[in-house]
Structure formats: structure tokens, C-alpha cells
Amino acid sequence: MAHSYVQVTTTTDSRAEAAELARSAVAERLAACAQLVGPIASTYWWEGEIESAEEWMVLFKTSADRFDELASLITEVHSYDTPEIIATPVVAGSMDYLAWITEQTEPGERDDAVADPADD
């Protein structure tokens, strides 16, 4: 059975929250990796007004079958009432990289622990 992959995007109002979302998703094996991009300038409608804000973007690389759990985690951890959660299909990629995503997002016990950068 062929695997399918997605890149999931969300945005937050702080680098700290973006980092927490990234770390939580990777620690739970819901994403193989997460990248923080920012700050970015966002313009959007909110409660009948056009708003502008500085935000941080998080890009999660994961298998499509982990999307629902990842979306639930983002919703649970996120400070926004309606967080952006968008999945973009990966239509092609390095076979080695895609295999790595599959391996890293498989549910189950692992011997490897996630190191906390604060311990360094």
C-alpha cells in the first residue's frame, strides 16, 4: 500500500507558541519534523474587521493518516479560537525523505527519547 503525505500549516502569534506546537507534534510522532518561519505579516478578516498581525508559521511534515490526530493536537494546544490548520498534499518527493517521514510518524513505542533543548 502506498503512503501519502501532507504538509500541514498553522500560524501563531509568538515564536514560543510556534516552538511548543512543533515540539509537541514531533514528540507525539504526529509529525516527522516541524519548521518555524517568521515573523510573517498576516492580513485577515476577524469579527467583521480587517486585521493585520505579525505571526509565526509552523510547517509540519507528516503522513496523511496522522493528519486528524495532528489537527486535534494543534487545536488543543493552540491559543487561537480558530487556528489555521491546512493540509497540502505532497505530490512528489525524495523516496528516502518520504520513507523517513513514514518511519518517524509510525505510532508505537520507541527506544529513543526526545531531548529537551533546555537540558543542554
PDB file of N, CA and C in Angstrom:
ATOM      1  N   MET A   1       0.844  -1.179   0.000  1.00  0.00           N
ATOM      2  CA  MET A   1       0.000   0.000   0.000  1.00  0.00           C
ATOM      3  C   MET A   1       0.889   1.243   0.000  1.00  0.00           C
ATOM      4  N   ALA A   2       0.663   2.137  -0.904  1.00  0.00           N
ATOM      5  CA  ALA A   2       1.455   3.364  -1.000  1.00  0.00           C
ATOM      6  C   ALA A   2       1.012   4.353   0.071  1.00  0.00           C
ATOM      7  N   HIS A   3       1.989   5.011   0.653  1.00  0.00           N
ATOM      8  CA  HIS A   3       1.699   6.039   1.655  1.00  0.00           C
ATOM      9  C   HIS A   3       1.442   7.361   0.957  1.00  0.00           C
ATOM     10  N   SER A   4       0.674   8.214   1.597  1.00  0.00           N
ATOM     11  CA  SER A   4       0.527   9.584   1.109  1.00  0.00           C
ATOM     12  C   SER A   4       0.959  10.519   2.231  1.00  0.00           C
ATOM     13  N   TYR A   5       1.379  11.705   1.830  1.00  0.00           N
ATOM     14  CA  TYR A   5       1.991  12.648   2.759  1.00  0.00           C
ATOM     15  C   TYR A   5       1.360  14.019   2.609  1.00  0.00           C
ATOM     16  N   VAL A   6       1.431  14.804   3.681  1.00  0.00           N
ATOM     17  CA  VAL A   6       0.921  16.166   3.665  1.00  0.00           C
ATOM     18  C   VAL A   6       1.893  17.078   4.396  1.00  0.00           C
ATOM     19  N   GLN A   7       1.848  18.347   4.017  1.00  0.00           N
ATOM     20  CA  GLN A   7       2.491  19.398   4.792  1.00  0.00           C
ATOM     21  C   GLN A   7       1.360  20.189   5.434  1.00  0.00           C
ATOM     22  N   VAL A   8       1.356  20.237   6.740  1.00  0.00           N
ATOM     23  CA  VAL A   8       0.300  20.917   7.486  1.00  0.00           C
ATOM     24  C   VAL A   8       0.831  22.268   7.951  1.00  0.00           C
ATOM     25  N   THR A   9       0.031  23.302   7.749  1.00  0.00           N
ATOM     26  CA  THR A   9       0.419  24.668   8.096  1.00  0.00           C
ATOM     27  C   THR A   9      -0.485  25.216   9.182  1.00  0.00           C
ATOM     28  N   THR A  10       0.122  25.910  10.139  1.00  0.00           N
ATOM     29  CA  THR A  10      -0.620  26.709  11.103  1.00  0.00           C
ATOM     30  C   THR A  10       0.181  27.976  11.367  1.00  0.00           C
ATOM     31  N   THR A  11      -0.448  28.953  11.999  1.00  0.00           N
ATOM     32  CA  THR A  11       0.240  30.180  12.393  1.00  0.00           C
ATOM     33  C   THR A  11      -0.097  30.490  13.847  1.00  0.00           C
ATOM     34  N   THR A  12       0.817  31.188  14.518  1.00  0.00           N
ATOM     35  CA  THR A  12       0.624  31.598  15.906  1.00  0.00           C
ATOM     36  C   THR A  12       1.083  33.040  16.068  1.00  0.00           C
ATOM     37  N   ASP A  13       0.789  33.604  17.224  1.00  0.00           N
ATOM     38  CA  ASP A  13       1.193  34.995  17.446  1.00  0.00           C
ATOM     39  C   ASP A  13       2.551  35.137  18.127  1.00  0.00           C
ATOM     40  N   SER A  14       3.220  34.008  18.425  1.00  0.00           N
ATOM     41  CA  SER A  14       4.539  34.103  19.055  1.00  0.00           C
ATOM     42  C   SER A  14       5.436  32.943  18.638  1.00  0.00           C
ATOM     43  N   ARG A  15       6.728  33.213  18.665  1.00  0.00           N
ATOM     44  CA  ARG A  15       7.702  32.168  18.364  1.00  0.00           C
ATOM     45  C   ARG A  15       7.631  31.067  19.420  1.00  0.00           C
ATOM     46  N   ALA A  16       7.426  31.440  20.673  1.00  0.00           N
ATOM     47  CA  ALA A  16       7.363  30.459  21.756  1.00  0.00           C
ATOM     48  C   ALA A  16       6.212  29.472  21.542  1.00  0.00           C
ATOM     49  N   GLU A  17       5.045  29.971  21.156  1.00  0.00           N
ATOM     50  CA  GLU A  17       3.914  29.070  20.912  1.00  0.00           C
ATOM     51  C   GLU A  17       4.175  28.207  19.686  1.00  0.00           C
ATOM     52  N   ALA A  18       4.762  28.778  18.653  1.00  0.00           N
ATOM     53  CA  ALA A  18       5.103  28.002  17.459  1.00  0.00           C
ATOM     54  C   ALA A  18       6.059  26.868  17.822  1.00  0.00           C
ATOM     55  N   ALA A  19       7.063  27.173  18.638  1.00  0.00           N
ATOM     56  CA  ALA A  19       8.033  26.159  19.055  1.00  0.00           C
ATOM     57  C   ALA A  19       7.366  25.071  19.894  1.00  0.00           C
ATOM     58  N   GLU A  20       6.436  25.448  20.753  1.00  0.00           N
ATOM     59  CA  GLU A  20       5.717  24.470  21.574  1.00  0.00           C
ATOM     60  C   GLU A  20       4.858  23.557  20.705  1.00  0.00           C
ATOM     61  N   LEU A  21       4.171  24.116  19.728  1.00  0.00           N
ATOM     62  CA  LEU A  21       3.384  23.298  18.802  1.00  0.00           C
ATOM     63  C   LEU A  21       4.286  22.324  18.047  1.00  0.00           C
ATOM     64  N   ALA A  22       5.412  22.828  17.546  1.00  0.00           N
ATOM     65  CA  ALA A  22       6.350  21.994  16.792  1.00  0.00           C
ATOM     66  C   ALA A  22       6.862  20.851  17.660  1.00  0.00           C
ATOM     67  N   ARG A  23       7.326  21.181  18.838  1.00  0.00           N
ATOM     68  CA  ARG A  23       7.894  20.177  19.736  1.00  0.00           C
ATOM     69  C   ARG A  23       6.848  19.132  20.135  1.00  0.00           C
ATOM     70  N   SER A  24       5.648  19.572  20.463  1.00  0.00           N
ATOM     71  CA  SER A  24       4.586  18.641  20.864  1.00  0.00           C
ATOM     72  C   SER A  24       4.257  17.661  19.747  1.00  0.00           C
ATOM     73  N   ALA A  25       4.127  18.164  18.534  1.00  0.00           N
ATOM     74  CA  ALA A  25       3.773  17.304  17.399  1.00  0.00           C
ATOM     75  C   ALA A  25       4.863  16.285  17.104  1.00  0.00           C
ATOM     76  N   VAL A  26       6.111  16.721  17.136  1.00  0.00           N
ATOM     77  CA  VAL A  26       7.223  15.803  16.861  1.00  0.00           C
ATOM     78  C   VAL A  26       7.362  14.794  18.004  1.00  0.00           C
ATOM     79  N   ALA A  27       7.253  15.239  19.242  1.00  0.00           N
ATOM     80  CA  ALA A  27       7.366  14.338  20.393  1.00  0.00           C
ATOM     81  C   ALA A  27       6.290  13.257  20.370  1.00  0.00           C
ATOM     82  N   GLU A  28       5.099  13.602  19.908  1.00  0.00           N
ATOM     83  CA  GLU A  28       3.988  12.649  19.835  1.00  0.00           C
ATOM     84  C   GLU A  28       4.014  11.816  18.555  1.00  0.00           C
ATOM     85  N   ARG A  29       5.027  12.012  17.723  1.00  0.00           N
ATOM     86  CA  ARG A  29       5.172  11.302  16.441  1.00  0.00           C
ATOM     87  C   ARG A  29       4.026  11.608  15.481  1.00  0.00           C
ATOM     88  N   LEU A  30       3.414  12.775  15.642  1.00  0.00           N
ATOM     89  CA  LEU A  30       2.364  13.199  14.720  1.00  0.00           C
ATOM     90  C   LEU A  30       2.950  13.934  13.532  1.00  0.00           C
ATOM     91  N   ALA A  31       4.206  14.320  13.622  1.00  0.00           N
ATOM     92  CA  ALA A  31       4.947  14.926  12.512  1.00  0.00           C
ATOM     93  C   ALA A  31       6.387  14.440  12.606  1.00  0.00           C
ATOM     94  N   ALA A  32       6.993  14.222  11.451  1.00  0.00           N
ATOM     95  CA  ALA A  32       8.400  13.822  11.433  1.00  0.00           C
ATOM     96  C   ALA A  32       9.293  15.013  11.725  1.00  0.00           C
ATOM     97  N   CYS A  33       8.871  16.181  11.268  1.00  0.00           N
ATOM     98  CA  CYS A  33       9.598  17.410  11.563  1.00  0.00           C
ATOM     99  C   CYS A  33       8.631  18.577  11.479  1.00  0.00           C
ATOM    100  N   ALA A  34       9.053  19.674  12.068  1.00  0.00           N
ATOM    101  CA  ALA A  34       8.260  20.903  12.025  1.00  0.00           C
ATOM    102  C   ALA A  34       9.234  22.063  11.893  1.00  0.00           C
ATOM    103  N   GLN A  35       8.915  22.973  11.009  1.00  0.00           N
ATOM    104  CA  GLN A  35       9.775  24.129  10.764  1.00  0.00           C
ATOM    105  C   GLN A  35       9.035  25.400  11.134  1.00  0.00           C
ATOM    106  N   LEU A  36       9.747  26.298  11.801  1.00  0.00           N
ATOM    107  CA  LEU A  36       9.204  27.605  12.163  1.00  0.00           C
ATOM    108  C   LEU A  36       9.685  28.632  11.158  1.00  0.00           C
ATOM    109  N   VAL A  37       8.759  29.449  10.675  1.00  0.00           N
ATOM    110  CA  VAL A  37       9.066  30.506   9.713  1.00  0.00           C
ATOM    111  C   VAL A  37       8.495  31.804  10.266  1.00  0.00           C
ATOM    112  N   GLY A  38       9.313  32.838  10.290  1.00  0.00           N
ATOM    113  CA  GLY A  38       8.757  34.103  10.741  1.00  0.00           C
ATOM    114  C   GLY A  38       9.807  35.047  11.266  1.00  0.00           C
ATOM    115  N   PRO A  39       9.314  36.168  11.678  1.00  0.00           N
ATOM    116  CA  PRO A  39       7.897  36.529  11.663  1.00  0.00           C
ATOM    117  C   PRO A  39       7.386  36.816  10.252  1.00  0.00           C
ATOM    118  N   ILE A  40       6.085  36.620  10.074  1.00  0.00           N
ATOM    119  CA  ILE A  40       5.414  36.912   8.811  1.00  0.00           C
ATOM    120  C   ILE A  40       4.325  37.947   9.069  1.00  0.00           C
ATOM    121  N   ALA A  41       3.924  38.657   8.039  1.00  0.00           N
ATOM    122  CA  ALA A  41       2.836  39.635   8.140  1.00  0.00           C
ATOM    123  C   ALA A  41       1.556  38.989   7.623  1.00  0.00           C
ATOM    124  N   SER A  42       0.517  38.983   8.441  1.00  0.00           N
ATOM    125  CA  SER A  42      -0.769  38.394   8.063  1.00  0.00           C
ATOM    126  C   SER A  42      -1.851  39.462   8.055  1.00  0.00           C
ATOM    127  N   THR A  43      -2.733  39.385   7.064  1.00  0.00           N
ATOM    128  CA  THR A  43      -3.901  40.257   6.969  1.00  0.00           C
ATOM    129  C   THR A  43      -5.107  39.357   6.768  1.00  0.00           C
ATOM    130  N   TYR A  44      -6.169  39.584   7.556  1.00  0.00           N
ATOM    131  CA  TYR A  44      -7.299  38.658   7.544  1.00  0.00           C
ATOM    132  C   TYR A  44      -8.543  39.325   8.141  1.00  0.00           C
ATOM    133  N   TRP A  45      -9.700  38.731   7.834  1.00  0.00           N
ATOM    134  CA  TRP A  45     -10.954  39.167   8.451  1.00  0.00           C
ATOM    135  C   TRP A  45     -11.083  38.492   9.806  1.00  0.00           C
ATOM    136  N   TRP A  46     -11.480  39.255  10.832  1.00  0.00           N
ATOM    137  CA  TRP A  46     -11.782  38.680  12.138  1.00  0.00           C
ATOM    138  C   TRP A  46     -12.857  39.522  12.802  1.00  0.00           C
ATOM    139  N   GLU A  47     -13.971  38.880  13.109  1.00  0.00           N
ATOM    140  CA  GLU A  47     -15.101  39.519  13.773  1.00  0.00           C
ATOM    141  C   GLU A  47     -15.520  40.809  13.078  1.00  0.00           C
ATOM    142  N   GLY A  48     -15.660  40.740  11.743  1.00  0.00           N
ATOM    143  CA  GLY A  48     -16.167  41.847  10.945  1.00  0.00           C
ATOM    144  C   GLY A  48     -15.175  42.946  10.627  1.00  0.00           C
ATOM    145  N   GLU A  49     -13.934  42.780  11.012  1.00  0.00           N
ATOM    146  CA  GLU A  49     -12.904  43.794  10.773  1.00  0.00           C
ATOM    147  C   GLU A  49     -11.717  43.178  10.041  1.00  0.00           C
ATOM    148  N   ILE A  50     -11.046  43.997   9.240  1.00  0.00           N
ATOM    149  CA  ILE A  50      -9.791  43.558   8.634  1.00  0.00           C
ATOM    150  C   ILE A  50      -8.688  43.802   9.654  1.00  0.00           C
ATOM    151  N   GLU A  51      -7.968  42.743   9.975  1.00  0.00           N
ATOM    152  CA  GLU A  51      -6.892  42.794  10.965  1.00  0.00           C
ATOM    153  C   GLU A  51      -5.552  42.553  10.281  1.00  0.00           C
ATOM    154  N   SER A  52      -4.508  43.063  10.872  1.00  0.00           N
ATOM    155  CA  SER A  52      -3.138  42.776  10.452  1.00  0.00           C
ATOM    156  C   SER A  52      -2.350  42.409  11.694  1.00  0.00           C
ATOM    157  N   ALA A  53      -1.489  41.406  11.564  1.00  0.00           N
ATOM    158  CA  ALA A  53      -0.722  40.952  12.720  1.00  0.00           C
ATOM    159  C   ALA A  53       0.591  40.330  12.274  1.00  0.00           C
ATOM    160  N   GLU A  54       1.548  40.353  13.178  1.00  0.00           N
ATOM    161  CA  GLU A  54       2.794  39.622  12.974  1.00  0.00           C
ATOM    162  C   GLU A  54       2.584  38.228  13.556  1.00  0.00           C
ATOM    163  N   GLU A  55       2.898  37.217  12.768  1.00  0.00           N
ATOM    164  CA  GLU A  55       2.694  35.840  13.201  1.00  0.00           C
ATOM    165  C   GLU A  55       3.916  34.990  12.874  1.00  0.00           C
ATOM    166  N   TRP A  56       3.907  33.787  13.412  1.00  0.00           N
ATOM    167  CA  TRP A  56       4.899  32.761  13.110  1.00  0.00           C
ATOM    168  C   TRP A  56       4.176  31.591  12.461  1.00  0.00           C
ATOM    169  N   MET A  57       4.763  31.054  11.402  1.00  0.00           N
ATOM    170  CA  MET A  57       4.189  29.919  10.686  1.00  0.00           C
ATOM    171  C   MET A  57       4.916  28.642  11.111  1.00  0.00           C
ATOM    172  N   VAL A  58       4.150  27.575  11.260  1.00  0.00           N
ATOM    173  CA  VAL A  58       4.730  26.267  11.527  1.00  0.00           C
ATOM    174  C   VAL A  58       4.331  25.349  10.382  1.00  0.00           C
ATOM    175  N   LEU A  59       5.321  24.688   9.790  1.00  0.00           N
ATOM    176  CA  LEU A  59       5.109  23.734   8.704  1.00  0.00           C
ATOM    177  C   LEU A  59       5.448  22.343   9.230  1.00  0.00           C
ATOM    178  N   PHE A  60       4.457  21.473   9.276  1.00  0.00           N
ATOM    179  CA  PHE A  60       4.640  20.107   9.764  1.00  0.00           C
ATOM    180  C   PHE A  60       4.710  19.158   8.574  1.00  0.00           C
ATOM    181  N   LYS A  61       5.668  18.240   8.560  1.00  0.00           N
ATOM    182  CA  LYS A  61       5.748  17.191   7.541  1.00  0.00           C
ATOM    183  C   LYS A  61       5.254  15.902   8.188  1.00  0.00           C
ATOM    184  N   THR A  62       4.227  15.283   7.582  1.00  0.00           N
ATOM    185  CA  THR A  62       3.660  14.082   8.187  1.00  0.00           C
ATOM    186  C   THR A  62       3.009  13.191   7.140  1.00  0.00           C
ATOM    187  N   SER A  63       2.619  12.010   7.570  1.00  0.00           N
ATOM    188  CA  SER A  63       1.867  11.118   6.689  1.00  0.00           C
ATOM    189  C   SER A  63       0.391  11.510   6.774  1.00  0.00           C
ATOM    190  N   ALA A  64      -0.321  11.315   5.686  1.00  0.00           N
ATOM    191  CA  ALA A  64      -1.724  11.739   5.623  1.00  0.00           C
ATOM    192  C   ALA A  64      -2.567  11.058   6.695  1.00  0.00           C
ATOM    193  N   ASP A  65      -2.222   9.826   7.050  1.00  0.00           N
ATOM    194  CA  ASP A  65      -3.029   9.127   8.050  1.00  0.00           C
ATOM    195  C   ASP A  65      -2.837   9.664   9.470  1.00  0.00           C
ATOM    196  N   ARG A  66      -1.891  10.558   9.684  1.00  0.00           N
ATOM    197  CA  ARG A  66      -1.695  11.182  11.002  1.00  0.00           C
ATOM    198  C   ARG A  66      -2.331  12.574  11.077  1.00  0.00           C
ATOM    199  N   PHE A  67      -2.930  13.031   9.957  1.00  0.00           N
ATOM    200  CA  PHE A  67      -3.469  14.392   9.918  1.00  0.00           C
ATOM    201  C   PHE A  67      -4.509  14.660  11.001  1.00  0.00           C
ATOM    202  N   ASP A  68      -5.488  13.781  11.155  1.00  0.00           N
ATOM    203  CA  ASP A  68      -6.567  14.042  12.115  1.00  0.00           C
ATOM    204  C   ASP A  68      -6.034  14.209  13.534  1.00  0.00           C
ATOM    205  N   GLU A  69      -5.095  13.346  13.919  1.00  0.00           N
ATOM    206  CA  GLU A  69      -4.510  13.456  15.259  1.00  0.00           C
ATOM    207  C   GLU A  69      -3.680  14.728  15.398  1.00  0.00           C
ATOM    208  N   LEU A  70      -2.942  15.082  14.348  1.00  0.00           N
ATOM    209  CA  LEU A  70      -2.154  16.315  14.377  1.00  0.00           C
ATOM    210  C   LEU A  70      -3.073  17.528  14.484  1.00  0.00           C
ATOM    211  N   ALA A  71      -4.143  17.546  13.706  1.00  0.00           N
ATOM    212  CA  ALA A  71      -5.097  18.658  13.763  1.00  0.00           C
ATOM    213  C   ALA A  71      -5.711  18.776  15.158  1.00  0.00           C
ATOM    214  N   SER A  72      -6.013  17.651  15.789  1.00  0.00           N
ATOM    215  CA  SER A  72      -6.555  17.673  17.153  1.00  0.00           C
ATOM    216  C   SER A  72      -5.550  18.251  18.137  1.00  0.00           C
ATOM    217  N   LEU A  73      -4.288  17.858  18.010  1.00  0.00           N
ATOM    218  CA  LEU A  73      -3.247  18.394  18.891  1.00  0.00           C
ATOM    219  C   LEU A  73      -3.096  19.898  18.709  1.00  0.00           C
ATOM    220  N   ILE A  74      -3.048  20.349  17.462  1.00  0.00           N
ATOM    221  CA  ILE A  74      -2.919  21.786  17.195  1.00  0.00           C
ATOM    222  C   ILE A  74      -4.082  22.538  17.833  1.00  0.00           C
ATOM    223  N   THR A  75      -5.299  22.035  17.638  1.00  0.00           N
ATOM    224  CA  THR A  75      -6.485  22.682  18.199  1.00  0.00           C
ATOM    225  C   THR A  75      -6.422  22.734  19.724  1.00  0.00           C
ATOM    226  N   GLU A  76      -5.973  21.657  20.332  1.00  0.00           N
ATOM    227  CA  GLU A  76      -5.899  21.570  21.794  1.00  0.00           C
ATOM    228  C   GLU A  76      -4.853  22.524  22.383  1.00  0.00           C
ATOM    229  N   VAL A  77      -3.686  22.614  21.753  1.00  0.00           N
ATOM    230  CA  VAL A  77      -2.567  23.393  22.293  1.00  0.00           C
ATOM    231  C   VAL A  77      -2.644  24.867  21.899  1.00  0.00           C
ATOM    232  N   HIS A  78      -3.251  25.150  20.762  1.00  0.00           N
ATOM    233  CA  HIS A  78      -3.233  26.494  20.169  1.00  0.00           C
ATOM    234  C   HIS A  78      -4.024  27.507  20.991  1.00  0.00           C
ATOM    235  N   SER A  79      -3.541  28.745  21.020  1.00  0.00           N
ATOM    236  CA  SER A  79      -4.226  29.806  21.769  1.00  0.00           C
ATOM    237  C   SER A  79      -5.340  30.490  20.968  1.00  0.00           C
ATOM    238  N   TYR A  80      -5.356  30.327  19.641  1.00  0.00           N
ATOM    239  CA  TYR A  80      -6.387  30.971  18.824  1.00  0.00           C
ATOM    240  C   TYR A  80      -7.723  30.242  18.948  1.00  0.00           C
ATOM    241  N   ASP A  81      -8.824  30.997  18.853  1.00  0.00           N
ATOM    242  CA  ASP A  81     -10.158  30.398  18.828  1.00  0.00           C
ATOM    243  C   ASP A  81     -10.336  29.526  17.590  1.00  0.00           C
ATOM    244  N   THR A  82      -9.842  30.018  16.453  1.00  0.00           N
ATOM    245  CA  THR A  82      -9.965  29.310  15.181  1.00  0.00           C
ATOM    246  C   THR A  82      -8.592  29.257  14.515  1.00  0.00           C
ATOM    247  N   PRO A  83      -7.745  28.315  14.932  1.00  0.00           N
ATOM    248  CA  PRO A  83      -6.405  28.273  14.344  1.00  0.00           C
ATOM    249  C   PRO A  83      -6.436  27.804  12.888  1.00  0.00           C
ATOM    250  N   GLU A  84      -5.525  28.358  12.111  1.00  0.00           N
ATOM    251  CA  GLU A  84      -5.332  27.871  10.747  1.00  0.00           C
ATOM    252  C   GLU A  84      -4.777  26.460  10.832  1.00  0.00           C
ATOM    253  N   ILE A  85      -5.442  25.527  10.170  1.00  0.00           N
ATOM    254  CA  ILE A  85      -4.941  24.156  10.039  1.00  0.00           C
ATOM    255  C   ILE A  85      -5.255  23.739   8.616  1.00  0.00           C
ATOM    256  N   ILE A  86      -4.233  23.746   7.781  1.00  0.00           N
ATOM    257  CA  ILE A  86      -4.402  23.438   6.360  1.00  0.00           C
ATOM    258  C   ILE A  86      -3.408  22.347   5.981  1.00  0.00           C
ATOM    259  N   ALA A  87      -3.895  21.314   5.305  1.00  0.00           N
ATOM    260  CA  ALA A  87      -3.028  20.240   4.826  1.00  0.00           C
ATOM    261  C   ALA A  87      -2.894  20.339   3.314  1.00  0.00           C
ATOM    262  N   THR A  88      -1.664  20.406   2.857  1.00  0.00           N
ATOM    263  CA  THR A  88      -1.364  20.444   1.430  1.00  0.00           C
ATOM    264  C   THR A  88      -0.760  19.099   1.037  1.00  0.00           C
ATOM    265  N   PRO A  89      -1.333  18.408   0.050  1.00  0.00           N
ATOM    266  CA  PRO A  89      -0.771  17.119  -0.356  1.00  0.00           C
ATOM    267  C   PRO A  89       0.643  17.273  -0.906  1.00  0.00           C
ATOM    268  N   VAL A  90       1.489  16.314  -0.571  1.00  0.00           N
ATOM    269  CA  VAL A  90       2.827  16.235  -1.157  1.00  0.00           C
ATOM    270  C   VAL A  90       2.681  15.355  -2.394  1.00  0.00           C
ATOM    271  N   VAL A  91       2.887  15.928  -3.560  1.00  0.00           N
ATOM    272  CA  VAL A  91       2.667  15.179  -4.798  1.00  0.00           C
ATOM    273  C   VAL A  91       3.910  14.426  -5.256  1.00  0.00           C
ATOM    274  N   ALA A  92       5.073  14.810  -4.765  1.00  0.00           N
ATOM    275  CA  ALA A  92       6.317  14.121  -5.110  1.00  0.00           C
ATOM    276  C   ALA A  92       7.363  14.490  -4.075  1.00  0.00           C
ATOM    277  N   GLY A  93       8.386  13.658  -3.963  1.00  0.00           N
ATOM    278  CA  GLY A  93       9.471  13.936  -3.033  1.00  0.00           C
ATOM    279  C   GLY A  93      10.519  12.853  -3.103  1.00  0.00           C
ATOM    280  N   SER A  94      11.633  13.112  -2.472  1.00  0.00           N
ATOM    281  CA  SER A  94      12.707  12.130  -2.379  1.00  0.00           C
ATOM    282  C   SER A  94      12.174  10.869  -1.704  1.00  0.00           C
ATOM    283  N   MET A  95      12.400   9.724  -2.316  1.00  0.00           N
ATOM    284  CA  MET A  95      11.918   8.460  -1.744  1.00  0.00           C
ATOM    285  C   MET A  95      12.505   8.237  -0.352  1.00  0.00           C
ATOM    286  N   ASP A  96      13.776   8.587  -0.167  1.00  0.00           N
ATOM    287  CA  ASP A  96      14.410   8.425   1.144  1.00  0.00           C
ATOM    288  C   ASP A  96      13.745   9.323   2.182  1.00  0.00           C
ATOM    289  N   TYR A  97      13.460  10.570   1.806  1.00  0.00           N
ATOM    290  CA  TYR A  97      12.836  11.504   2.743  1.00  0.00           C
ATOM    291  C   TYR A  97      11.421  11.052   3.098  1.00  0.00           C
ATOM    292  N   LEU A  98      10.662  10.630   2.108  1.00  0.00           N
ATOM    293  CA  LEU A  98       9.295  10.177   2.364  1.00  0.00           C
ATOM    294  C   LEU A  98       9.284   8.917   3.233  1.00  0.00           C
ATOM    295  N   ALA A  99      10.239   8.020   2.996  1.00  0.00           N
ATOM    296  CA  ALA A  99      10.348   6.826   3.843  1.00  0.00           C
ATOM    297  C   ALA A  99      10.679   7.224   5.280  1.00  0.00           C
ATOM    298  N   TRP A 100      11.523   8.249   5.432  1.00  0.00           N
ATOM    299  CA  TRP A 100      11.868   8.750   6.764  1.00  0.00           C
ATOM    300  C   TRP A 100      10.629   9.307   7.463  1.00  0.00           C
ATOM    301  N   ILE A 101       9.791  10.044   6.735  1.00  0.00           N
ATOM    302  CA  ILE A 101       8.544  10.555   7.322  1.00  0.00           C
ATOM    303  C   ILE A 101       7.688   9.390   7.816  1.00  0.00           C
ATOM    304  N   THR A 102       7.549   8.361   6.988  1.00  0.00           N
ATOM    305  CA  THR A 102       6.763   7.188   7.383  1.00  0.00           C
ATOM    306  C   THR A 102       7.315   6.582   8.665  1.00  0.00           C
ATOM    307  N   GLU A 103       8.615   6.368   8.702  1.00  0.00           N
ATOM    308  CA  GLU A 103       9.260   5.757   9.865  1.00  0.00           C
ATOM    309  C   GLU A 103       9.065   6.602  11.130  1.00  0.00           C
ATOM    310  N   GLN A 104       9.220   7.898  11.005  1.00  0.00           N
ATOM    311  CA  GLN A 104       9.156   8.776  12.178  1.00  0.00           C
ATOM    312  C   GLN A 104       7.741   9.013  12.686  1.00  0.00           C
ATOM    313  N   THR A 105       6.740   8.780  11.861  1.00  0.00           N
ATOM    314  CA  THR A 105       5.358   9.037  12.281  1.00  0.00           C
ATOM    315  C   THR A 105       4.569   7.757  12.562  1.00  0.00           C
ATOM    316  N   GLU A 106       5.249   6.618  12.548  1.00  0.00           N
ATOM    317  CA  GLU A 106       4.573   5.368  12.900  1.00  0.00           C
ATOM    318  C   GLU A 106       4.211   5.404  14.381  1.00  0.00           C
ATOM    319  N   PRO A 107       2.961   5.093  14.717  1.00  0.00           N
ATOM    320  CA  PRO A 107       2.600   5.045  16.136  1.00  0.00           C
ATOM    321  C   PRO A 107       3.314   3.880  16.823  1.00  0.00           C
ATOM    322  N   GLY A 108       3.484   3.986  18.109  1.00  0.00           N
ATOM    323  CA  GLY A 108       4.070   2.884  18.869  1.00  0.00           C
ATOM    324  C   GLY A 108       5.226   3.327  19.733  1.00  0.00           C
ATOM    325  N   GLU A 109       5.690   2.390  20.539  1.00  0.00           N
ATOM    326  CA  GLU A 109       6.789   2.652  21.473  1.00  0.00           C
ATOM    327  C   GLU A 109       8.109   2.797  20.725  1.00  0.00           C
ATOM    328  N   ARG A 110       8.959   3.662  21.253  1.00  0.00           N
ATOM    329  CA  ARG A 110      10.291   3.881  20.694  1.00  0.00           C
ATOM    330  C   ARG A 110      11.302   3.835  21.832  1.00  0.00           C
ATOM    331  N   ASP A 111      12.505   3.433  21.514  1.00  0.00           N
ATOM    332  CA  ASP A 111      13.591   3.469  22.493  1.00  0.00           C
ATOM    333  C   ASP A 111      14.181   4.857  22.606  1.00  0.00           C
ATOM    334  N   ASP A 112      14.037   5.653  21.538  1.00  0.00           N
ATOM    335  CA  ASP A 112      14.650   6.982  21.544  1.00  0.00           C
ATOM    336  C   ASP A 112      13.746   7.980  22.250  1.00  0.00           C
ATOM    337  N   ALA A 113      14.347   8.796  23.073  1.00  0.00           N
ATOM    338  CA  ALA A 113      13.609   9.838  23.792  1.00  0.00           C
ATOM    339  C   ALA A 113      13.857  11.174  23.120  1.00  0.00           C
ATOM    340  N   VAL A 114      12.905  12.064  23.253  1.00  0.00           N
ATOM    341  CA  VAL A 114      13.048  13.408  22.705  1.00  0.00           C
ATOM    342  C   VAL A 114      13.804  14.242  23.727  1.00  0.00           C
ATOM    343  N   ALA A 115      14.961  14.747  23.323  1.00  0.00           N
ATOM    344  CA  ALA A 115      15.772  15.572  24.217  1.00  0.00           C
ATOM    345  C   ALA A 115      15.156  16.953  24.355  1.00  0.00           C
ATOM    346  N   ASP A 116      15.243  17.484  25.538  1.00  0.00           N
ATOM    347  CA  ASP A 116      14.763  18.840  25.788  1.00  0.00           C
ATOM    348  C   ASP A 116      15.928  19.796  25.621  1.00  0.00           C
ATOM    349  N   PRO A 117      15.819  20.779  24.685  1.00  0.00           N
ATOM    350  CA  PRO A 117      16.924  21.706  24.466  1.00  0.00           C
ATOM    351  C   PRO A 117      17.305  22.476  25.731  1.00  0.00           C
ATOM    352  N   ALA A 118      16.393  22.590  26.679  1.00  0.00           N
ATOM    353  CA  ALA A 118      16.695  23.294  27.926  1.00  0.00           C
ATOM    354  C   ALA A 118      17.711  22.520  28.765  1.00  0.00           C
ATOM    355  N   ASP A 119      17.855  21.213  28.474  1.00  0.00           N
ATOM    356  CA  ASP A 119      18.810  20.395  29.215  1.00  0.00           C
ATOM    357  C   ASP A 119      20.241  20.576  28.731  1.00  0.00           C
ATOM    358  N   ASP A 120      20.427  21.225  27.591  1.00  0.00           N
ATOM    359  CA  ASP A 120      21.779  21.417  27.039  1.00  0.00           C
ATOM    360  C   ASP A 120      22.563  22.438  27.815  1.00  0.00           C
TER     361      ASP A 120
END
